[in-house]
């Protein structure tokens, strides 16, 4: 039975690049299983995602920005990944960012070392 899996993501400057990468990385494997992957780029992503979740039209797979994760998870429309995904290969902090009450709802795709530095002497003047 053929099946379509929808992936929502940020619109960005060239969503065709993301669609092509998805096809190159997982397209053949999914096609062998009778699965078609459809990438749906969204502008104003957070608003569009909340609206889609509310309307019951959200994609099967979507990014959850860490700053909005608690609200998105609280909708009850996000499936916990416990038992579906082996989290052991991932850095614990990337898993914990999307873990609520022992349920894993996502795994952060990356992290950074951004920091804010300031000259305290200027602030004291």
Protein backbone atom coordinates (compact mmCIF):
# COMPACT_ATOMS: atom_id res chain seq x y z
CA UNK A 1 0.00 0.00 0.00
CA UNK A 2 1.49 3.32 -1.06
CA UNK A 3 1.63 5.97 1.61
CA UNK A 4 2.50 9.66 1.69
CA UNK A 5 4.40 11.21 4.59
CA UNK A 6 4.22 15.00 4.90
CA UNK A 7 7.09 17.01 6.38
CA UNK A 8 6.57 20.66 7.39
CA UNK A 9 9.56 22.96 7.64
CA UNK A 10 10.67 26.55 7.43
CA UNK A 11 10.15 28.24 4.07
CA UNK A 12 13.60 29.79 3.99
CA UNK A 13 15.12 31.38 0.93
CA UNK A 14 15.08 28.24 -1.20
CA UNK A 15 12.82 25.42 0.02
CA UNK A 16 13.68 23.43 -3.10
CA UNK A 17 17.12 22.80 -1.56
CA UNK A 18 15.56 21.16 1.50
CA UNK A 19 13.20 19.10 -0.64
CA UNK A 20 16.13 17.93 -2.78
CA UNK A 21 18.22 17.03 0.28
CA UNK A 22 15.38 15.01 1.78
CA UNK A 23 14.98 13.19 -1.51
CA UNK A 24 18.72 12.49 -1.79
CA UNK A 25 19.10 11.30 1.81
CA UNK A 26 15.94 9.26 2.38
CA UNK A 27 14.00 9.28 -0.89
CA UNK A 28 15.20 5.93 -2.26
CA UNK A 29 14.79 4.11 1.07
CA UNK A 30 11.27 5.42 1.51
CA UNK A 31 10.31 4.70 -2.10
CA UNK A 32 11.45 1.08 -1.63
CA UNK A 33 8.89 0.86 1.18
CA UNK A 34 6.16 2.45 -0.93
CA UNK A 35 6.38 5.77 0.89
CA UNK A 36 6.35 9.14 -0.84
CA UNK A 37 7.84 12.07 1.07
CA UNK A 38 6.30 15.51 0.53
CA UNK A 39 8.08 18.59 1.91
CA UNK A 40 5.81 21.54 2.78
CA UNK A 41 7.72 24.77 3.46
CA UNK A 42 5.87 27.30 5.59
CA UNK A 43 6.32 31.02 5.93
CA UNK A 44 5.68 32.44 9.42
CA UNK A 45 6.41 28.93 10.62
CA UNK A 46 5.36 29.08 14.28
CA UNK A 47 1.98 30.64 13.52
CA UNK A 48 1.35 28.28 10.62
CA UNK A 49 2.30 25.25 12.73
CA UNK A 50 0.01 26.21 15.63
CA UNK A 51 -2.83 26.84 13.16
CA UNK A 52 -2.26 23.49 11.45
CA UNK A 53 -2.20 21.68 14.80
CA UNK A 54 -5.43 23.40 15.85
CA UNK A 55 -7.11 22.54 12.55
CA UNK A 56 -5.86 18.95 12.59
CA UNK A 57 -3.97 19.47 9.34
CA UNK A 58 -0.37 19.42 10.61
CA UNK A 59 2.12 17.29 8.73
CA UNK A 60 3.23 13.87 9.93
CA UNK A 61 6.70 15.23 10.72
CA UNK A 62 7.56 18.82 11.61
CA UNK A 63 10.17 20.92 13.33
CA UNK A 64 9.37 22.00 16.87
CA UNK A 65 11.33 25.12 17.79
CA UNK A 66 12.69 24.57 21.31
CA UNK A 67 11.27 27.88 22.55
CA UNK A 68 7.75 26.86 21.52
CA UNK A 69 8.03 23.17 22.39
CA UNK A 70 6.17 23.35 25.72
CA UNK A 71 3.14 25.00 24.09
CA UNK A 72 3.15 22.67 21.10
CA UNK A 73 3.51 19.57 23.28
CA UNK A 74 0.73 20.82 25.57
CA UNK A 75 -1.72 20.72 22.64
CA UNK A 76 -1.72 16.94 23.00
CA UNK A 77 -1.33 16.60 19.24
CA UNK A 78 2.31 15.52 19.27
CA UNK A 79 3.12 11.82 19.55
CA UNK A 80 5.75 10.82 22.13
CA UNK A 81 8.65 8.99 20.49
CA UNK A 82 9.29 6.64 23.42
CA UNK A 83 9.74 3.13 22.04
CA UNK A 84 9.80 4.41 18.45
CA UNK A 85 13.21 6.07 18.37
CA UNK A 86 16.45 4.91 19.97
CA UNK A 87 17.77 8.04 21.67
CA UNK A 88 21.04 6.46 22.85
CA UNK A 89 23.15 7.71 19.89
CA UNK A 90 22.25 11.33 20.67
CA UNK A 91 23.83 13.77 23.10
CA UNK A 92 21.64 13.73 26.22
CA UNK A 93 21.03 17.49 26.26
CA UNK A 94 19.63 17.30 22.70
CA UNK A 95 17.12 14.69 23.86
CA UNK A 96 16.30 16.43 27.15
CA UNK A 97 15.39 19.66 25.34
CA UNK A 98 12.23 17.92 24.09
CA UNK A 99 11.53 15.57 27.01
CA UNK A 100 8.49 16.33 29.17
CA UNK A 101 7.44 14.15 32.11
CA UNK A 102 9.67 11.34 30.84
CA UNK A 103 8.20 11.43 27.33
CA UNK A 104 10.48 12.27 24.41
CA UNK A 105 8.70 14.43 21.82
CA UNK A 106 11.67 15.30 19.64
CA UNK A 107 15.43 15.42 19.38
CA UNK A 108 17.18 18.73 18.77
CA UNK A 109 18.79 18.70 15.35
CA UNK A 110 21.78 20.73 16.48
CA UNK A 111 23.16 23.05 19.10
CA UNK A 112 25.52 25.98 19.19
CA UNK A 113 27.88 27.77 21.50
CA UNK A 114 26.51 31.27 21.13
CA UNK A 115 27.28 33.47 24.11
CA UNK A 116 26.86 37.10 25.03
CA UNK A 117 30.01 38.97 26.05
CA UNK A 118 29.99 42.51 27.33
CA UNK A 119 32.43 45.01 28.79
CA UNK A 120 31.34 45.38 32.41
CA UNK A 121 33.38 48.59 32.77
CA UNK A 122 31.18 50.30 30.16
CA UNK A 123 28.04 49.26 32.03
CA UNK A 124 29.40 50.59 35.30
CA UNK A 125 30.11 54.06 33.83
